[in-house]
Amino acid sequence: MNSGRLKRLKAAGWKVGTTREFLGLQEQESALVEVKLSLIDALKKSRQKRRLSQVDLAQRMGSSQSRIAKIEAGDASVSLDLIVRALIAAGATQQDIRKAITSSVLLAA
């Protein structure tokens, strides 16, 4: 969040904190959430970069468009395995996946 918006929210009486604080997550739980969110973001970018629709990606995976939508929405039922499989099907490289994981680990620290 940019500093101007943060100042306006605080001035209006809002409390600003982290997701970890709000949900009362342990450090490891917070790190896992950050990894999943980062991988999901990488998936969306990879799919859009290659001009793939959710239907196209679903066909590549032998899945459904609604499942791809759940992955991209961060549905709790979606496993890390499925997210990584979708990334690979979307054409992401190992370097893309590594970069997403590394950036999320830095955010969680």
N, C-alpha and C. Protein backbone atom coordinates (compact mmCIF):
# COMPACT_ATOMS: atom_id res chain seq x y z
N MET A 1 0.85 -1.16 0.00
CA MET A 1 0.00 0.00 0.00
C MET A 1 0.91 1.24 0.00
N ASN A 2 0.53 2.22 -0.82
CA ASN A 2 1.38 3.41 -0.86
C ASN A 2 1.20 4.26 0.39
N SER A 3 2.20 5.06 0.67
CA SER A 3 2.23 5.81 1.94
C SER A 3 1.11 6.84 2.03
N GLY A 4 0.71 7.44 0.90
CA GLY A 4 -0.37 8.42 0.92
C GLY A 4 -1.69 7.79 1.34
N ARG A 5 -1.96 6.64 0.79
CA ARG A 5 -3.20 5.94 1.12
C ARG A 5 -3.18 5.49 2.59
N LEU A 6 -2.03 5.02 3.02
CA LEU A 6 -1.87 4.59 4.41
C LEU A 6 -2.15 5.74 5.37
N LYS A 7 -1.62 6.91 5.06
CA LYS A 7 -1.84 8.09 5.90
C LYS A 7 -3.31 8.48 5.94
N ARG A 8 -3.98 8.43 4.77
CA ARG A 8 -5.40 8.78 4.72
C ARG A 8 -6.24 7.81 5.54
N LEU A 9 -5.93 6.53 5.45
CA LEU A 9 -6.68 5.54 6.22
C LEU A 9 -6.49 5.74 7.72
N LYS A 10 -5.24 5.97 8.14
CA LYS A 10 -4.98 6.19 9.56
C LYS A 10 -5.66 7.47 10.05
N ALA A 11 -5.64 8.52 9.22
CA ALA A 11 -6.29 9.78 9.59
C ALA A 11 -7.79 9.60 9.74
N ALA A 12 -8.37 8.68 8.98
CA ALA A 12 -9.81 8.44 9.05
C ALA A 12 -10.17 7.49 10.20
N GLY A 13 -9.15 7.06 10.96
CA GLY A 13 -9.41 6.21 12.11
C GLY A 13 -9.27 4.72 11.88
N TRP A 14 -8.85 4.33 10.70
CA TRP A 14 -8.65 2.92 10.39
C TRP A 14 -7.36 2.41 11.01
N LYS A 15 -7.36 1.16 11.43
CA LYS A 15 -6.15 0.51 11.89
C LYS A 15 -5.58 -0.26 10.73
N VAL A 16 -4.29 -0.14 10.54
CA VAL A 16 -3.63 -0.81 9.43
C VAL A 16 -2.62 -1.80 9.99
N GLY A 17 -2.68 -3.02 9.51
CA GLY A 17 -1.76 -4.06 9.96
C GLY A 17 -1.55 -5.08 8.86
N THR A 18 -0.92 -6.16 9.23
CA THR A 18 -0.64 -7.20 8.26
C THR A 18 -1.75 -8.26 8.30
N THR A 19 -1.79 -9.05 7.25
CA THR A 19 -2.73 -10.16 7.20
C THR A 19 -2.44 -11.13 8.33
N ARG A 20 -1.17 -11.32 8.60
CA ARG A 20 -0.75 -12.23 9.67
C ARG A 20 -1.33 -11.78 11.01
N GLU A 21 -1.25 -10.49 11.29
CA GLU A 21 -1.78 -9.96 12.54
C GLU A 21 -3.30 -10.10 12.59
N PHE A 22 -3.95 -9.77 11.48
CA PHE A 22 -5.41 -9.80 11.41
C PHE A 22 -5.96 -11.21 11.62
N LEU A 23 -5.32 -12.18 10.99
CA LEU A 23 -5.80 -13.56 11.07
C LEU A 23 -5.18 -14.35 12.22
N GLY A 24 -4.21 -13.77 12.89
CA GLY A 24 -3.55 -14.46 13.99
C GLY A 24 -2.77 -15.68 13.53
N LEU A 25 -2.08 -15.54 12.42
CA LEU A 25 -1.33 -16.66 11.85
C LEU A 25 0.04 -16.83 12.49
N GLN A 26 0.48 -18.07 12.55
CA GLN A 26 1.86 -18.36 12.94
C GLN A 26 2.77 -17.94 11.78
N GLU A 27 4.04 -17.79 12.04
CA GLU A 27 5.00 -17.38 11.02
C GLU A 27 4.98 -18.34 9.82
N GLN A 28 4.95 -19.64 10.10
CA GLN A 28 4.97 -20.64 9.02
C GLN A 28 3.68 -20.57 8.19
N GLU A 29 2.55 -20.37 8.84
CA GLU A 29 1.28 -20.26 8.12
C GLU A 29 1.28 -19.02 7.23
N SER A 30 1.80 -17.94 7.75
CA SER A 30 1.88 -16.71 6.98
C SER A 30 2.78 -16.88 5.76
N ALA A 31 3.89 -17.56 5.94
CA ALA A 31 4.82 -17.80 4.84
C ALA A 31 4.16 -18.65 3.75
N LEU A 32 3.39 -19.65 4.15
CA LEU A 32 2.70 -20.50 3.18
C LEU A 32 1.67 -19.70 2.38
N VAL A 33 0.94 -18.85 3.06
CA VAL A 33 -0.04 -17.99 2.38
C VAL A 33 0.67 -17.10 1.36
N GLU A 34 1.79 -16.51 1.76
CA GLU A 34 2.54 -15.64 0.85
C GLU A 34 3.05 -16.41 -0.37
N VAL A 35 3.53 -17.64 -0.17
CA VAL A 35 4.01 -18.46 -1.29
C VAL A 35 2.86 -18.75 -2.25
N LYS A 36 1.72 -19.16 -1.71
CA LYS A 36 0.57 -19.46 -2.57
C LYS A 36 0.14 -18.24 -3.36
N LEU A 37 0.05 -17.10 -2.69
CA LEU A 37 -0.38 -15.87 -3.37
C LEU A 37 0.61 -15.45 -4.46
N SER A 38 1.88 -15.61 -4.17
CA SER A 38 2.90 -15.25 -5.15
C SER A 38 2.85 -16.18 -6.37
N LEU A 39 2.66 -17.47 -6.13
CA LEU A 39 2.56 -18.42 -7.23
C LEU A 39 1.30 -18.18 -8.06
N ILE A 40 0.21 -17.83 -7.39
CA ILE A 40 -1.03 -17.53 -8.11
C ILE A 40 -0.85 -16.29 -8.97
N ASP A 41 -0.20 -15.28 -8.44
CA ASP A 41 0.07 -14.07 -9.21
C ASP A 41 0.95 -14.39 -10.42
N ALA A 42 1.96 -15.23 -10.22
CA ALA A 42 2.82 -15.64 -11.33
C ALA A 42 2.03 -16.41 -12.37
N LEU A 43 1.08 -17.22 -11.94
CA LEU A 43 0.24 -17.97 -12.88
C LEU A 43 -0.58 -17.02 -13.75
N LYS A 44 -1.24 -16.07 -13.12
CA LYS A 44 -2.05 -15.12 -13.88
C LYS A 44 -1.20 -14.38 -14.90
N LYS A 45 -0.03 -13.91 -14.46
CA LYS A 45 0.85 -13.17 -15.37
C LYS A 45 1.35 -14.05 -16.51
N SER A 46 1.70 -15.28 -16.20
CA SER A 46 2.19 -16.20 -17.22
C SER A 46 1.10 -16.51 -18.24
N ARG A 47 -0.10 -16.76 -17.75
CA ARG A 47 -1.23 -17.06 -18.65
C ARG A 47 -1.53 -15.87 -19.54
N GLN A 48 -1.57 -14.68 -18.97
CA GLN A 48 -1.89 -13.48 -19.75
C GLN A 48 -0.76 -13.13 -20.71
N LYS A 49 0.47 -13.32 -20.29
CA LYS A 49 1.62 -13.04 -21.16
C LYS A 49 1.56 -13.88 -22.43
N ARG A 50 1.10 -15.12 -22.30
CA ARG A 50 1.01 -16.03 -23.44
C ARG A 50 -0.35 -15.97 -24.13
N ARG A 51 -1.16 -15.00 -23.69
CA ARG A 51 -2.49 -14.77 -24.25
C ARG A 51 -3.37 -16.02 -24.21
N LEU A 52 -3.29 -16.70 -23.08
CA LEU A 52 -4.13 -17.89 -22.88
C LEU A 52 -5.35 -17.49 -22.07
N SER A 53 -6.51 -17.98 -22.47
CA SER A 53 -7.70 -17.79 -21.65
C SER A 53 -7.70 -18.87 -20.57
N GLN A 54 -8.58 -18.72 -19.62
CA GLN A 54 -8.71 -19.76 -18.60
C GLN A 54 -9.15 -21.07 -19.25
N VAL A 55 -9.96 -21.00 -20.28
CA VAL A 55 -10.40 -22.20 -21.00
C VAL A 55 -9.21 -22.87 -21.67
N ASP A 56 -8.34 -22.06 -22.32
CA ASP A 56 -7.15 -22.61 -22.97
C ASP A 56 -6.27 -23.34 -21.96
N LEU A 57 -6.04 -22.70 -20.83
CA LEU A 57 -5.20 -23.31 -19.80
C LEU A 57 -5.85 -24.58 -19.26
N ALA A 58 -7.15 -24.54 -19.06
CA ALA A 58 -7.86 -25.72 -18.56
C ALA A 58 -7.70 -26.89 -19.54
N GLN A 59 -7.79 -26.62 -20.83
CA GLN A 59 -7.62 -27.68 -21.83
C GLN A 59 -6.21 -28.26 -21.78
N ARG A 60 -5.22 -27.40 -21.60
CA ARG A 60 -3.83 -27.87 -21.49
C ARG A 60 -3.65 -28.78 -20.28
N MET A 61 -4.42 -28.54 -19.24
CA MET A 61 -4.28 -29.30 -18.00
C MET A 61 -5.24 -30.48 -17.92
N GLY A 62 -6.19 -30.56 -18.86
CA GLY A 62 -7.21 -31.58 -18.77
C GLY A 62 -8.16 -31.30 -17.61
N SER A 63 -8.45 -30.03 -17.41
CA SER A 63 -9.28 -29.60 -16.30
C SER A 63 -10.42 -28.73 -16.83
N SER A 64 -11.05 -27.98 -15.95
CA SER A 64 -12.16 -27.11 -16.34
C SER A 64 -11.81 -25.64 -16.11
N GLN A 65 -12.52 -24.78 -16.81
CA GLN A 65 -12.30 -23.33 -16.64
C GLN A 65 -12.63 -22.92 -15.22
N SER A 66 -13.65 -23.52 -14.64
CA SER A 66 -14.03 -23.14 -13.27
C SER A 66 -12.92 -23.49 -12.27
N ARG A 67 -12.20 -24.57 -12.53
CA ARG A 67 -11.08 -24.94 -11.65
C ARG A 67 -9.95 -23.93 -11.78
N ILE A 68 -9.69 -23.48 -13.00
CA ILE A 68 -8.66 -22.45 -13.21
C ILE A 68 -9.07 -21.17 -12.49
N ALA A 69 -10.35 -20.82 -12.57
CA ALA A 69 -10.84 -19.62 -11.88
C ALA A 69 -10.64 -19.77 -10.37
N LYS A 70 -10.88 -20.96 -9.83
CA LYS A 70 -10.66 -21.19 -8.39
C LYS A 70 -9.19 -21.05 -8.03
N ILE A 71 -8.33 -21.57 -8.89
CA ILE A 71 -6.89 -21.44 -8.64
C ILE A 71 -6.52 -19.96 -8.58
N GLU A 72 -6.95 -19.21 -9.60
CA GLU A 72 -6.58 -17.80 -9.68
C GLU A 72 -7.23 -16.95 -8.60
N ALA A 73 -8.34 -17.42 -8.04
CA ALA A 73 -9.00 -16.70 -6.95
C ALA A 73 -8.41 -17.05 -5.59
N GLY A 74 -7.50 -18.03 -5.57
CA GLY A 74 -6.87 -18.42 -4.31
C GLY A 74 -7.77 -19.24 -3.42
N ASP A 75 -8.67 -20.00 -4.01
CA ASP A 75 -9.58 -20.85 -3.24
C ASP A 75 -8.79 -21.76 -2.31
N ALA A 76 -9.28 -21.90 -1.09
CA ALA A 76 -8.56 -22.69 -0.08
C ALA A 76 -8.43 -24.16 -0.44
N SER A 77 -9.29 -24.66 -1.33
CA SER A 77 -9.24 -26.07 -1.71
C SER A 77 -8.13 -26.37 -2.72
N VAL A 78 -7.48 -25.33 -3.20
CA VAL A 78 -6.44 -25.50 -4.23
C VAL A 78 -5.09 -25.78 -3.56
N SER A 79 -4.46 -26.87 -3.98
CA SER A 79 -3.17 -27.25 -3.41
C SER A 79 -2.02 -26.54 -4.12
N LEU A 80 -0.87 -26.51 -3.45
CA LEU A 80 0.33 -25.97 -4.09
C LEU A 80 0.68 -26.77 -5.34
N ASP A 81 0.48 -28.08 -5.26
CA ASP A 81 0.76 -28.96 -6.39
C ASP A 81 -0.04 -28.53 -7.62
N LEU A 82 -1.32 -28.25 -7.44
CA LEU A 82 -2.17 -27.85 -8.55
C LEU A 82 -1.75 -26.49 -9.11
N ILE A 83 -1.37 -25.58 -8.23
CA ILE A 83 -0.92 -24.26 -8.69
C ILE A 83 0.33 -24.40 -9.55
N VAL A 84 1.28 -25.21 -9.09
CA VAL A 84 2.52 -25.41 -9.84
C VAL A 84 2.24 -26.12 -11.16
N ARG A 85 1.35 -27.12 -11.16
CA ARG A 85 0.98 -27.79 -12.41
C ARG A 85 0.40 -26.80 -13.40
N ALA A 86 -0.45 -25.88 -12.91
CA ALA A 86 -1.05 -24.86 -13.77
C ALA A 86 0.02 -23.91 -14.31
N LEU A 87 0.96 -23.55 -13.46
CA LEU A 87 2.06 -22.69 -13.91
C LEU A 87 2.85 -23.33 -15.05
N ILE A 88 3.16 -24.61 -14.88
CA ILE A 88 3.91 -25.32 -15.91
C ILE A 88 3.09 -25.40 -17.20
N ALA A 89 1.81 -25.70 -17.08
CA ALA A 89 0.93 -25.77 -18.26
C ALA A 89 0.80 -24.41 -18.94
N ALA A 90 0.92 -23.34 -18.16
CA ALA A 90 0.82 -21.99 -18.72
C ALA A 90 2.13 -21.54 -19.37
N GLY A 91 3.16 -22.39 -19.27
CA GLY A 91 4.42 -22.08 -19.92
C GLY A 91 5.45 -21.41 -19.03
N ALA A 92 5.20 -21.36 -17.73
CA ALA A 92 6.18 -20.76 -16.82
C ALA A 92 7.42 -21.64 -16.76
N THR A 93 8.56 -21.01 -16.64
CA THR A 93 9.82 -21.74 -16.54
C THR A 93 10.14 -22.01 -15.08
N GLN A 94 11.13 -22.86 -14.85
CA GLN A 94 11.58 -23.10 -13.47
C GLN A 94 12.05 -21.79 -12.85
N GLN A 95 12.68 -20.95 -13.65
CA GLN A 95 13.16 -19.67 -13.14
C GLN A 95 11.97 -18.79 -12.72
N ASP A 96 10.88 -18.80 -13.50
CA ASP A 96 9.69 -18.03 -13.13
C ASP A 96 9.13 -18.50 -11.79
N ILE A 97 9.06 -19.82 -11.62
CA ILE A 97 8.53 -20.40 -10.39
C ILE A 97 9.45 -20.08 -9.22
N ARG A 98 10.76 -20.22 -9.43
CA ARG A 98 11.73 -19.91 -8.39
C ARG A 98 11.63 -18.45 -7.97
N LYS A 99 11.47 -17.57 -8.95
CA LYS A 99 11.37 -16.14 -8.67
C LYS A 99 10.12 -15.83 -7.83
N ALA A 100 9.01 -16.48 -8.15
CA ALA A 100 7.77 -16.27 -7.39
C ALA A 100 7.93 -16.73 -5.95
N ILE A 101 8.55 -17.89 -5.77
CA ILE A 101 8.74 -18.41 -4.42
C ILE A 101 9.71 -17.53 -3.64
N THR A 102 10.80 -17.15 -4.27
CA THR A 102 11.81 -16.33 -3.60
C THR A 102 11.23 -14.99 -3.18
N SER A 103 10.45 -14.34 -4.06
CA SER A 103 9.89 -13.04 -3.70
C SER A 103 8.91 -13.17 -2.56
N SER A 104 8.17 -14.29 -2.50
CA SER A 104 7.20 -14.46 -1.42
C SER A 104 7.92 -14.72 -0.09
N VAL A 105 9.02 -15.44 -0.12
CA VAL A 105 9.78 -15.69 1.09
C VAL A 105 10.34 -14.39 1.64
N LEU A 106 10.78 -13.51 0.75
CA LEU A 106 11.29 -12.21 1.20
C LEU A 106 10.19 -11.37 1.82
N LEU A 107 8.98 -11.45 1.25
CA LEU A 107 7.85 -10.68 1.80
C LEU A 107 7.46 -11.19 3.17
N ALA A 108 7.52 -12.49 3.35
CA ALA A 108 7.08 -13.09 4.62
C ALA A 108 8.09 -12.85 5.74
N ALA A 109 9.34 -12.59 5.37
CA ALA A 109 10.41 -12.42 6.38
C ALA A 109 10.28 -11.10 7.13
